[in-house]
C-alpha atoms as a PDB file:
ATOM      1  CA  MET A   1     -19.546  17.107  -3.705  1.00  0.00           C
ATOM      2  CA  ARG A   2     -16.917  17.018  -0.937  1.00  0.00           C
ATOM      3  CA  ARG A   3     -13.659  15.271  -1.763  1.00  0.00           C
ATOM      4  CA  PRO A   4     -13.027  12.148   0.309  1.00  0.00           C
ATOM      5  CA  ARG A   5     -10.494  12.792   3.067  1.00  0.00           C
ATOM      6  CA  ILE A   6      -7.836  10.119   3.639  1.00  0.00           C
ATOM      7  CA  ALA A   7      -5.004   9.875   6.167  1.00  0.00           C
ATOM      8  CA  VAL A   8      -2.021   7.723   5.235  1.00  0.00           C
ATOM      9  CA  VAL A   9       0.428   6.684   7.944  1.00  0.00           C
ATOM     10  CA  GLY A  10       3.457   4.993   6.464  1.00  0.00           C
ATOM     11  CA  SER A  11       6.821   5.029   4.755  1.00  0.00           C
ATOM     12  CA  LEU A  12       8.545   7.414   2.388  1.00  0.00           C
ATOM     13  CA  ASN A  13      11.478   5.943   0.459  1.00  0.00           C
ATOM     14  CA  MET A  14      13.622   6.888  -2.464  1.00  0.00           C
ATOM     15  CA  ASP A  15      13.499   3.906  -4.799  1.00  0.00           C
ATOM     16  CA  LEU A  16      16.764   3.048  -6.561  1.00  0.00           C
ATOM     17  CA  VAL A  17      15.518   0.957  -9.471  1.00  0.00           C
ATOM     18  CA  VAL A  18      17.995  -1.111 -11.466  1.00  0.00           C
ATOM     19  CA  SER A  19      16.599  -2.683 -14.632  1.00  0.00           C
ATOM     20  CA  THR A  20      18.157  -5.862 -15.989  1.00  0.00           C
ATOM     21  CA  GLU A  21      17.232  -8.738 -18.282  1.00  0.00           C
ATOM     22  CA  ARG A  22      16.968 -11.322 -15.507  1.00  0.00           C
ATOM     23  CA  MET A  23      17.539 -11.925 -11.817  1.00  0.00           C
ATOM     24  CA  PRO A  24      21.143 -12.836 -10.918  1.00  0.00           C
ATOM     25  CA  LYS A  25      21.844 -16.195  -9.351  1.00  0.00           C
ATOM     26  CA  VAL A  26      23.343 -16.374  -5.858  1.00  0.00           C
ATOM     27  CA  GLY A  27      26.951 -15.147  -6.040  1.00  0.00           C
ATOM     28  CA  GLU A  28      26.598 -14.003  -9.664  1.00  0.00           C
ATOM     29  CA  THR A  29      27.428 -10.530 -11.001  1.00  0.00           C
ATOM     30  CA  ILE A  30      25.510  -9.337 -14.052  1.00  0.00           C
ATOM     31  CA  SER A  31      25.275  -6.039 -15.928  1.00  0.00           C
ATOM     32  CA  GLY A  32      22.260  -3.813 -15.444  1.00  0.00           C
ATOM     33  CA  GLN A  33      20.676  -1.758 -18.198  1.00  0.00           C
ATOM     34  CA  THR A  34      19.507   1.412 -16.425  1.00  0.00           C
ATOM     35  CA  ILE A  35      19.144   2.949 -12.982  1.00  0.00           C
ATOM     36  CA  HIS A  36      16.346   5.299 -11.948  1.00  0.00           C
ATOM     37  CA  TYR A  37      15.827   7.324  -8.759  1.00  0.00           C
ATOM     38  CA  ILE A  38      12.098   7.240  -8.107  1.00  0.00           C
ATOM     39  CA  PRO A  39      10.109   8.519  -5.088  1.00  0.00           C
ATOM     40  CA  GLY A  40       8.447   5.564  -3.373  1.00  0.00           C
ATOM     41  CA  GLY A  41       7.653   3.796  -0.128  1.00  0.00           C
ATOM     42  CA  LYS A  42       4.345   2.026   0.366  1.00  0.00           C
ATOM     43  CA  GLY A  43       2.920   4.889   2.383  1.00  0.00           C
ATOM     44  CA  ALA A  44       3.976   7.562  -0.096  1.00  0.00           C
ATOM     45  CA  ASN A  45       2.842   5.494  -3.075  1.00  0.00           C
ATOM     46  CA  GLN A  46      -0.607   4.979  -1.596  1.00  0.00           C
ATOM     47  CA  ALA A  47      -0.870   8.641  -0.624  1.00  0.00           C
ATOM     48  CA  VAL A  48      -0.014   9.750  -4.165  1.00  0.00           C
ATOM     49  CA  GLY A  49      -2.421   7.169  -5.581  1.00  0.00           C
ATOM     50  CA  CYS A  50      -5.278   8.525  -3.467  1.00  0.00           C
ATOM     51  CA  ALA A  51      -4.437  12.142  -4.327  1.00  0.00           C
ATOM     52  CA  ARG A  52      -4.258  11.470  -8.069  1.00  0.00           C
ATOM     53  CA  LEU A  53      -7.722   9.937  -7.879  1.00  0.00           C
ATOM     54  CA  GLY A  54      -9.018  13.137  -6.288  1.00  0.00           C
ATOM     55  CA  ALA A  55      -8.882  12.634  -2.513  1.00  0.00           C
ATOM     56  CA  GLU A  56      -7.661  15.145   0.049  1.00  0.00           C
ATOM     57  CA  VAL A  57      -4.704  13.267   1.496  1.00  0.00           C
ATOM     58  CA  HIS A  58      -2.696  13.913   4.658  1.00  0.00           C
ATOM     59  CA  MET A  59       0.572  11.963   4.828  1.00  0.00           C
ATOM     60  CA  ILE A  60       2.044  11.098   8.235  1.00  0.00           C
ATOM     61  CA  GLY A  61       5.633   9.845   8.147  1.00  0.00           C
ATOM     62  CA  ALA A  62       9.264  10.994   8.180  1.00  0.00           C
ATOM     63  CA  VAL A  63      12.208  11.718   5.885  1.00  0.00           C
ATOM     64  CA  GLY A  64      15.865  12.509   6.546  1.00  0.00           C
ATOM     65  CA  ASP A  65      17.552  15.902   6.284  1.00  0.00           C
ATOM     66  CA  ASP A  66      19.243  14.951   3.018  1.00  0.00           C
ATOM     67  CA  MET A  67      18.753  15.469  -0.703  1.00  0.00           C
ATOM     68  CA  PHE A  68      16.425  12.487  -0.967  1.00  0.00           C
ATOM     69  CA  GLY A  69      14.288  13.888   1.857  1.00  0.00           C
ATOM     70  CA  SER A  70      13.987  17.264   0.119  1.00  0.00           C
ATOM     71  CA  SER A  71      13.073  15.500  -3.105  1.00  0.00           C
ATOM     72  CA  MET A  72      10.419  13.421  -1.337  1.00  0.00           C
ATOM     73  CA  MET A  73       8.808  16.485   0.254  1.00  0.00           C
ATOM     74  CA  SER A  74       8.673  18.289  -3.091  1.00  0.00           C
ATOM     75  CA  ASN A  75       7.236  15.212  -4.754  1.00  0.00           C
ATOM     76  CA  MET A  76       4.442  14.930  -2.182  1.00  0.00           C
ATOM     77  CA  GLN A  77       3.435  18.537  -2.757  1.00  0.00           C
ATOM     78  CA  ASP A  78       3.701  18.234  -6.545  1.00  0.00           C
ATOM     79  CA  ASN A  79       1.259  15.318  -6.423  1.00  0.00           C
ATOM     80  CA  GLY A  80      -1.245  17.131  -4.232  1.00  0.00           C
ATOM     81  CA  VAL A  81      -0.466  15.306  -0.973  1.00  0.00           C
ATOM     82  CA  LEU A  82      -0.572  17.518   2.132  1.00  0.00           C
ATOM     83  CA  PRO A  83       2.810  17.049   3.909  1.00  0.00           C
ATOM     84  CA  ASP A  84       1.954  18.616   7.300  1.00  0.00           C
ATOM     85  CA  GLY A  85       2.402  15.287   9.091  1.00  0.00           C
ATOM     86  CA  ILE A  86       5.815  14.490   7.567  1.00  0.00           C
ATOM     87  CA  GLY A  87       8.704  15.069   9.961  1.00  0.00           C
ATOM     88  CA  ILE A  88      12.256  15.896   8.845  1.00  0.00           C
ATOM     89  CA  ILE A  89      14.682  13.975  11.064  1.00  0.00           C
ATOM     90  CA  GLU A  90      18.136  15.509  11.525  1.00  0.00           C
ATOM     91  CA  GLY A  91      21.102  13.174  11.277  1.00  0.00           C
ATOM     92  CA  THR A  92      19.033  10.331   9.835  1.00  0.00           C
ATOM     93  CA  PRO A  93      18.942   9.298   6.161  1.00  0.00           C
ATOM     94  CA  THR A  94      15.761   9.085   4.164  1.00  0.00           C
ATOM     95  CA  GLY A  95      14.530   5.519   3.692  1.00  0.00           C
ATOM     96  CA  ILE A  96      15.819   3.680   0.636  1.00  0.00           C
ATOM     97  CA  ALA A  97      14.305   0.854  -1.397  1.00  0.00           C
ATOM     98  CA  SER A  98      16.740  -0.956  -3.686  1.00  0.00           C
ATOM     99  CA  ILE A  99      14.672  -2.557  -6.443  1.00  0.00           C
ATOM    100  CA  LEU A 100      15.922  -5.035  -9.032  1.00  0.00           C
ATOM    101  CA  HIS A 101      13.478  -4.974 -11.935  1.00  0.00           C
ATOM    102  CA  THR A 102      13.202  -7.453 -14.818  1.00  0.00           C
ATOM    103  CA  PRO A 103      10.564  -7.732 -17.569  1.00  0.00           C
ATOM    104  CA  GLU A 104       8.885 -10.513 -15.551  1.00  0.00           C
ATOM    105  CA  ASP A 105       9.245  -9.554 -11.900  1.00  0.00           C
ATOM    106  CA  ASN A 106      11.010  -7.524  -9.230  1.00  0.00           C
ATOM    107  CA  CYS A 107      12.684  -7.979  -5.847  1.00  0.00           C
ATOM    108  CA  ILE A 108      13.119  -5.302  -3.200  1.00  0.00           C
ATOM    109  CA  VAL A 109      15.472  -4.606  -0.273  1.00  0.00           C
ATOM    110  CA  ILE A 110      14.360  -1.912   2.189  1.00  0.00           C
ATOM    111  CA  ILE A 111      16.628   0.320   4.307  1.00  0.00           C
ATOM    112  CA  PRO A 112      14.203   2.012   6.764  1.00  0.00           C
ATOM    113  CA  GLY A 113      16.200   5.155   7.623  1.00  0.00           C
ATOM    114  CA  ALA A 114      13.850   7.897   8.841  1.00  0.00           C
ATOM    115  CA  ASN A 115      10.870   5.560   8.572  1.00  0.00           C
ATOM    116  CA  GLY A 116      12.141   3.961  11.776  1.00  0.00           C
ATOM    117  CA  GLU A 117      11.626   7.333  13.487  1.00  0.00           C
ATOM    118  CA  VAL A 118       7.869   7.348  12.855  1.00  0.00           C
ATOM    119  CA  THR A 119       7.179   6.740  16.543  1.00  0.00           C
ATOM    120  CA  PRO A 120       3.786   6.423  18.273  1.00  0.00           C
ATOM    121  CA  SER A 121       4.273   9.912  19.736  1.00  0.00           C
ATOM    122  CA  ARG A 122       4.861  11.323  16.247  1.00  0.00           C
ATOM    123  CA  VAL A 123       1.649   9.638  15.067  1.00  0.00           C
ATOM    124  CA  GLU A 124      -0.239  11.004  18.079  1.00  0.00           C
ATOM    125  CA  GLN A 125       1.006  14.527  17.297  1.00  0.00           C
ATOM    126  CA  SER A 126      -0.795  14.213  13.950  1.00  0.00           C
ATOM    127  CA  ALA A 127      -3.903  12.531  15.389  1.00  0.00           C
ATOM    128  CA  SER A 128      -6.227  15.259  14.093  1.00  0.00           C
ATOM    129  CA  PHE A 129      -5.440  14.266  10.500  1.00  0.00           C
ATOM    130  CA  ILE A 130      -6.649  10.750  11.330  1.00  0.00           C
ATOM    131  CA  THR A 131      -9.717  11.647  13.391  1.00  0.00           C
ATOM    132  CA  GLN A 132     -10.959  14.086  10.727  1.00  0.00           C
ATOM    133  CA  ALA A 133     -10.489  11.615   7.868  1.00  0.00           C
ATOM    134  CA  ASP A 134     -13.054   9.413   6.166  1.00  0.00           C
ATOM    135  CA  LEU A 135     -10.536   6.573   6.048  1.00  0.00           C
ATOM    136  CA  LEU A 136      -7.084   5.593   7.331  1.00  0.00           C
ATOM    137  CA  LEU A 137      -4.550   3.647   5.244  1.00  0.00           C
ATOM    138  CA  VAL A 138      -1.597   1.957   6.982  1.00  0.00           C
ATOM    139  CA  GLN A 139       1.152  -0.481   5.963  1.00  0.00           C
ATOM    140  CA  LEU A 140       4.072  -2.204   7.722  1.00  0.00           C
ATOM    141  CA  GLU A 141       7.193  -0.256   6.678  1.00  0.00           C
ATOM    142  CA  ILE A 142       7.177   1.799   9.899  1.00  0.00           C
ATOM    143  CA  PRO A 143       7.479   0.547  13.513  1.00  0.00           C
ATOM    144  CA  LEU A 144       4.656  -1.817  14.419  1.00  0.00           C
ATOM    145  CA  GLU A 145       3.753   0.107  17.573  1.00  0.00           C
ATOM    146  CA  SER A 146       3.142   3.178  15.392  1.00  0.00           C
ATOM    147  CA  VAL A 147       0.823   1.208  13.106  1.00  0.00           C
ATOM    148  CA  HIS A 148      -1.020   0.110  16.239  1.00  0.00           C
ATOM    149  CA  ALA A 149      -1.236   3.717  17.475  1.00  0.00           C
ATOM    150  CA  ALA A 150      -2.680   4.940  14.168  1.00  0.00           C
ATOM    151  CA  LEU A 151      -5.296   2.182  14.063  1.00  0.00           C
ATOM    152  CA  ARG A 152      -6.242   2.795  17.693  1.00  0.00           C
ATOM    153  CA  ILE A 153      -6.710   6.537  17.089  1.00  0.00           C
ATOM    154  CA  ALA A 154      -8.889   5.849  14.048  1.00  0.00           C
ATOM    155  CA  LYS A 155     -10.957   3.212  15.828  1.00  0.00           C
ATOM    156  CA  SER A 156     -11.680   5.503  18.775  1.00  0.00           C
ATOM    157  CA  ALA A 157     -12.868   8.210  16.357  1.00  0.00           C
ATOM    158  CA  GLY A 158     -15.040   5.863  14.284  1.00  0.00           C
ATOM    159  CA  VAL A 159     -12.816   6.236  11.207  1.00  0.00           C
ATOM    160  CA  ARG A 160     -12.720   3.240   8.865  1.00  0.00           C
ATOM    161  CA  THR A 161      -9.342   1.559   8.497  1.00  0.00           C
ATOM    162  CA  VAL A 162      -7.505  -0.362   5.785  1.00  0.00           C
ATOM    163  CA  LEU A 163      -4.412  -2.312   6.832  1.00  0.00           C
ATOM    164  CA  ASN A 164      -2.092  -3.386   4.030  1.00  0.00           C
ATOM    165  CA  PRO A 165       0.042  -6.043   5.809  1.00  0.00           C
ATOM    166  CA  ALA A 166       3.146  -5.577   3.687  1.00  0.00           C
ATOM    167  CA  PRO A 167       5.945  -6.456   3.976  1.00  0.00           C
ATOM    168  CA  ALA A 168       4.800  -9.770   5.455  1.00  0.00           C
ATOM    169  CA  ARG A 169       5.405 -10.179   9.182  1.00  0.00           C
ATOM    170  CA  ASP A 170       3.744 -11.624  12.269  1.00  0.00           C
ATOM    171  CA  LEU A 171       1.063  -9.358  13.708  1.00  0.00           C
ATOM    172  CA  PRO A 172      -0.538  -9.403  17.169  1.00  0.00           C
ATOM    173  CA  ILE A 173      -4.220 -10.276  17.402  1.00  0.00           C
ATOM    174  CA  ASP A 174      -5.185  -6.982  19.047  1.00  0.00           C
ATOM    175  CA  LEU A 175      -3.753  -5.059  16.083  1.00  0.00           C
ATOM    176  CA  LEU A 176      -5.565  -7.231  13.531  1.00  0.00           C
ATOM    177  CA  LYS A 177      -8.867  -6.644  15.305  1.00  0.00           C
ATOM    178  CA  LEU A 178      -8.481  -2.869  14.917  1.00  0.00           C
ATOM    179  CA  ALA A 179      -8.559  -3.093  11.100  1.00  0.00           C
ATOM    180  CA  ASP A 180     -11.870  -2.964   9.243  1.00  0.00           C
ATOM    181  CA  TYR A 181     -10.235  -4.238   6.047  1.00  0.00           C
ATOM    182  CA  ILE A 182      -6.978  -6.119   5.589  1.00  0.00           C
ATOM    183  CA  THR A 183      -5.465  -6.401   2.102  1.00  0.00           C
ATOM    184  CA  PRO A 184      -2.778  -9.110   1.907  1.00  0.00           C
ATOM    185  CA  ASN A 185      -1.539 -10.885  -1.164  1.00  0.00           C
ATOM    186  CA  GLU A 186      -1.509 -14.686  -1.002  1.00  0.00           C
ATOM    187  CA  THR A 187       2.014 -14.876   0.437  1.00  0.00           C
ATOM    188  CA  GLU A 188       1.200 -12.316   3.127  1.00  0.00           C
ATOM    189  CA  PHE A 189      -2.099 -14.027   3.974  1.00  0.00           C
ATOM    190  CA  ALA A 190      -0.314 -17.347   4.438  1.00  0.00           C
ATOM    191  CA  SER A 191       2.334 -15.632   6.575  1.00  0.00           C
ATOM    192  CA  LEU A 192      -0.399 -14.259   8.830  1.00  0.00           C
ATOM    193  CA  GLY A 193      -1.792 -17.766   9.304  1.00  0.00           C
ATOM    194  CA  GLY A 194      -4.773 -17.217   7.018  1.00  0.00           C
ATOM    195  CA  PHE A 195      -4.140 -20.553   5.290  1.00  0.00           C
ATOM    196  CA  LYS A 196      -1.420 -23.096   4.579  1.00  0.00           C
ATOM    197  CA  GLU A 197      -0.125 -23.078   1.007  1.00  0.00           C
ATOM    198  CA  SER A 198       0.606 -26.807   1.383  1.00  0.00           C
ATOM    199  CA  ASP A 199      -3.149 -27.462   1.714  1.00  0.00           C
ATOM    200  CA  GLY A 200      -3.690 -26.840  -2.009  1.00  0.00           C
ATOM    201  CA  GLN A 201      -4.312 -23.993  -4.422  1.00  0.00           C
ATOM    202  CA  ASP A 202      -7.842 -23.260  -3.154  1.00  0.00           C
ATOM    203  CA  ALA A 203      -7.004 -23.368   0.566  1.00  0.00           C
ATOM    204  CA  TRP A 204      -7.178 -19.574   0.736  1.00  0.00           C
ATOM    205  CA  GLN A 205     -10.951 -19.687   0.236  1.00  0.00           C
ATOM    206  CA  ALA A 206     -11.597 -21.445   3.543  1.00  0.00           C
ATOM    207  CA  GLY A 207      -9.051 -19.097   5.077  1.00  0.00           C
ATOM    208  CA  LEU A 208     -11.137 -16.059   4.132  1.00  0.00           C
ATOM    209  CA  ALA A 209     -14.188 -17.340   5.991  1.00  0.00           C
ATOM    210  CA  ASP A 210     -12.210 -18.468   9.018  1.00  0.00           C
ATOM    211  CA  TRP A 211     -10.407 -15.129   9.261  1.00  0.00           C
ATOM    212  CA  GLU A 212     -13.596 -13.091   9.541  1.00  0.00           C
ATOM    213  CA  GLN A 213     -14.896 -15.360  12.292  1.00  0.00           C
ATOM    214  CA  ARG A 214     -11.641 -15.038  14.247  1.00  0.00           C
ATOM    215  CA  TYR A 215     -10.851 -11.344  13.838  1.00  0.00           C
ATOM    216  CA  GLY A 216     -13.939  -9.600  12.469  1.00  0.00           C
ATOM    217  CA  SER A 217     -12.015  -7.777   9.739  1.00  0.00           C
ATOM    218  CA  LYS A 218     -12.860  -8.214   6.063  1.00  0.00           C
ATOM    219  CA  VAL A 219     -10.020  -9.743   4.043  1.00  0.00           C
ATOM    220  CA  ILE A 220      -9.431  -8.453   0.525  1.00  0.00           C
ATOM    221  CA  LEU A 221      -7.043 -11.017  -0.948  1.00  0.00           C
ATOM    222  CA  THR A 222      -5.028  -9.506  -3.796  1.00  0.00           C
ATOM    223  CA  ARG A 223      -4.091 -12.116  -6.387  1.00  0.00           C
ATOM    224  CA  GLY A 224      -2.075 -10.349  -9.079  1.00  0.00           C
ATOM    225  CA  GLU A 225      -3.228 -11.151 -12.609  1.00  0.00           C
ATOM    226  CA  HIS A 226      -6.184 -13.074 -11.136  1.00  0.00           C
ATOM    227  CA  GLY A 227      -7.647  -9.933  -9.566  1.00  0.00           C
ATOM    228  CA  ALA A 228      -8.840  -9.859  -5.956  1.00  0.00           C
ATOM    229  CA  SER A 229     -11.129 -12.010  -3.829  1.00  0.00           C
ATOM    230  CA  TYR A 230     -13.238 -11.672  -0.687  1.00  0.00           C
ATOM    231  CA  TRP A 231     -15.745 -13.764   1.262  1.00  0.00           C
ATOM    232  CA  LYS A 232     -19.467 -13.121   0.859  1.00  0.00           C
ATOM    233  CA  ASP A 233     -22.490 -15.263   1.739  1.00  0.00           C
ATOM    234  CA  ARG A 234     -20.459 -18.411   2.430  1.00  0.00           C
ATOM    235  CA  ALA A 235     -18.535 -18.246  -0.862  1.00  0.00           C
ATOM    236  CA  ALA A 236     -15.432 -16.580  -2.264  1.00  0.00           C
ATOM    237  CA  VAL A 237     -16.140 -13.754  -4.711  1.00  0.00           C
ATOM    238  CA  THR A 238     -13.398 -12.850  -7.198  1.00  0.00           C
ATOM    239  CA  ILE A 239     -13.144  -9.590  -9.128  1.00  0.00           C
ATOM    240  CA  PRO A 240     -11.120 -10.532 -12.233  1.00  0.00           C
ATOM    241  CA  ALA A 241      -8.327  -8.310 -13.512  1.00  0.00           C
ATOM    242  CA  PRO A 242      -8.472  -6.956 -17.076  1.00  0.00           C
ATOM    243  CA  MET A 243      -5.829  -8.237 -19.483  1.00  0.00           C
ATOM    244  CA  VAL A 244      -3.064  -5.658 -19.980  1.00  0.00           C
ATOM    245  CA  GLU A 245       0.511  -5.492 -21.246  1.00  0.00           C
ATOM    246  CA  VAL A 246       2.712  -5.372 -18.145  1.00  0.00           C
ATOM    247  CA  VAL A 247       5.560  -2.840 -18.122  1.00  0.00           C
ATOM    248  CA  ASP A 248       6.272  -2.572 -14.374  1.00  0.00           C
ATOM    249  CA  SER A 249       4.385  -4.338 -11.567  1.00  0.00           C
ATOM    250  CA  THR A 250       6.254  -2.596  -8.717  1.00  0.00           C
ATOM    251  CA  GLY A 251       3.391  -0.383  -7.533  1.00  0.00           C
ATOM    252  CA  ALA A 252       0.386  -2.542  -8.412  1.00  0.00           C
ATOM    253  CA  GLY A 253      -0.409  -3.482  -4.828  1.00  0.00           C
ATOM    254  CA  ASP A 254      -0.049   0.095  -3.629  1.00  0.00           C
ATOM    255  CA  CYS A 255      -2.318   1.303  -6.419  1.00  0.00           C
ATOM    256  CA  LEU A 256      -4.973  -1.269  -5.528  1.00  0.00           C
ATOM    257  CA  ASN A 257      -4.887  -0.167  -1.888  1.00  0.00           C
ATOM    258  CA  ALA A 258      -5.062   3.503  -2.832  1.00  0.00           C
ATOM    259  CA  ALA A 259      -7.981   3.004  -5.204  1.00  0.00           C
ATOM    260  CA  PHE A 260      -9.790   0.739  -2.752  1.00  0.00           C
ATOM    261  CA  GLY A 261      -9.349   3.279   0.047  1.00  0.00           C
ATOM    262  CA  PHE A 262     -10.440   6.147  -2.209  1.00  0.00           C
ATOM    263  CA  SER A 263     -13.578   4.275  -3.244  1.00  0.00           C
ATOM    264  CA  LEU A 264     -14.559   3.309   0.300  1.00  0.00           C
ATOM    265  CA  ALA A 265     -13.946   6.876   1.498  1.00  0.00           C
ATOM    266  CA  SER A 266     -16.199   8.068  -1.340  1.00  0.00           C
ATOM    267  CA  GLY A 267     -19.058   5.957   0.026  1.00  0.00           C
ATOM    268  CA  TRP A 268     -19.048   3.210  -2.599  1.00  0.00           C
ATOM    269  CA  SER A 269     -20.055  -0.375  -1.838  1.00  0.00           C
ATOM    270  CA  LEU A 270     -17.442  -3.072  -1.263  1.00  0.00           C
ATOM    271  CA  GLU A 271     -18.013  -4.640  -4.685  1.00  0.00           C
ATOM    272  CA  GLN A 272     -17.910  -1.265  -6.468  1.00  0.00           C
ATOM    273  CA  SER A 273     -14.778  -0.276  -4.570  1.00  0.00           C
ATOM    274  CA  LEU A 274     -12.919  -3.486  -5.308  1.00  0.00           C
ATOM    275  CA  THR A 275     -13.926  -3.503  -8.975  1.00  0.00           C
ATOM    276  CA  PHE A 276     -12.584   0.041  -9.321  1.00  0.00           C
ATOM    277  CA  ALA A 277      -9.415  -0.878  -7.404  1.00  0.00           C
ATOM    278  CA  VAL A 278      -8.640  -3.927  -9.552  1.00  0.00           C
ATOM    279  CA  LYS A 279      -9.055  -1.854 -12.720  1.00  0.00           C
ATOM    280  CA  ALA A 280      -6.804   0.876 -11.333  1.00  0.00           C
ATOM    281  CA  ALA A 281      -4.107  -1.628 -10.346  1.00  0.00           C
ATOM    282  CA  SER A 282      -4.239  -3.248 -13.784  1.00  0.00           C
ATOM    283  CA  LEU A 283      -3.838   0.143 -15.409  1.00  0.00           C
ATOM    284  CA  SER A 284      -0.907   1.037 -13.150  1.00  0.00           C
ATOM    285  CA  VAL A 285       1.309  -1.798 -14.406  1.00  0.00           C
ATOM    286  CA  THR A 286       1.233  -0.424 -17.962  1.00  0.00           C
ATOM    287  CA  LYS A 287       3.628   2.399 -16.950  1.00  0.00           C
ATOM    288  CA  PHE A 288       7.113   2.431 -15.427  1.00  0.00           C
ATOM    289  CA  GLY A 289       7.446   3.567 -11.807  1.00  0.00           C
ATOM    290  CA  ALA A 290       5.097   3.016  -8.894  1.00  0.00           C
ATOM    291  CA  GLN A 291       3.901   6.607  -8.527  1.00  0.00           C
ATOM    292  CA  ALA A 292       4.084   7.496 -12.218  1.00  0.00           C
ATOM    293  CA  GLY A 293       1.739   4.594 -12.882  1.00  0.00           C
ATOM    294  CA  MET A 294      -0.958   5.795 -10.481  1.00  0.00           C
ATOM    295  CA  PRO A 295      -3.966   6.571 -12.698  1.00  0.00           C
ATOM    296  CA  LEU A 296      -6.440   9.435 -12.656  1.00  0.00           C
ATOM    297  CA  VAL A 297     -10.063   8.616 -11.875  1.00  0.00           C
ATOM    298  CA  GLU A 298     -11.127   9.292 -15.473  1.00  0.00           C
ATOM    299  CA  ASP A 299      -8.480   6.863 -16.760  1.00  0.00           C
ATOM    300  CA  VAL A 300      -9.950   4.081 -14.639  1.00  0.00           C
ATOM    301  CA  GLY A 301     -13.462   5.004 -15.751  1.00  0.00           C
ATOM    302  CA  ARG A 302     -12.489   4.509 -19.396  1.00  0.00           C
ATOM    303  CA  MET A 303     -11.072   1.035 -18.790  1.00  0.00           C
ATOM    304  CA  GLU A 304     -13.167  -1.910 -19.956  1.00  0.00           C
END
């Protein structure tokens, strides 16, 4: 059987992960326990996640001509991601994500670097990787006009699209209408105007139905330990997450998007795809590091 073919247009970062017991207060200096240099970026994480599950993955993005860029390119190849669409930008640093990690949570500061050089023209130069794919995955750590270009290319070729609207930001209506699936968490969905958090804890349910009427795209609302939800037959359907011992939640969202995209590209139904994706994301948090936690397809299959 042919491997599903996926194009990922997005960011490549080197993650500088500092582990500490707790988050510092404003103005406070505390001691960290360890620091790790880990390949990351939402685009790269999702590309690696798809490849580890067995997809043929073409990554479209950019790195700097520095040691982190060289490391990122090697890491893509080591994980089976085809790097033909990754540009090396002279005089520009590779993107950096500074991550503060505690046993309970994490916070992230992004320095775009070469990710800011992923221009629409660079995306268009790699258009064949998109038009020949079964599915396109995009996120929001590259210029918005480049996200728009990738979605437009896919739409014109009849390629299904998954937009992961992270980090949260305002998006134009014409871009939202190009996505077949949109995968926000609750904070991102509220930021997009999907619902008002002040309307109560179940306000997101009405937001799911209203969104599809307004934009036509299917919302997959990721809800952390509660799993993921979508709208079907005038009701919200939730795929619950298995109970696991959490080690590192940094890449859970990226893993869910990768597994969801892999499943859709493999021809599975929406419910099958989301069930698989929620299991994969739950499994990913049991290991340290976003990419290191990306499971193999057989690992997900063994999960109850």
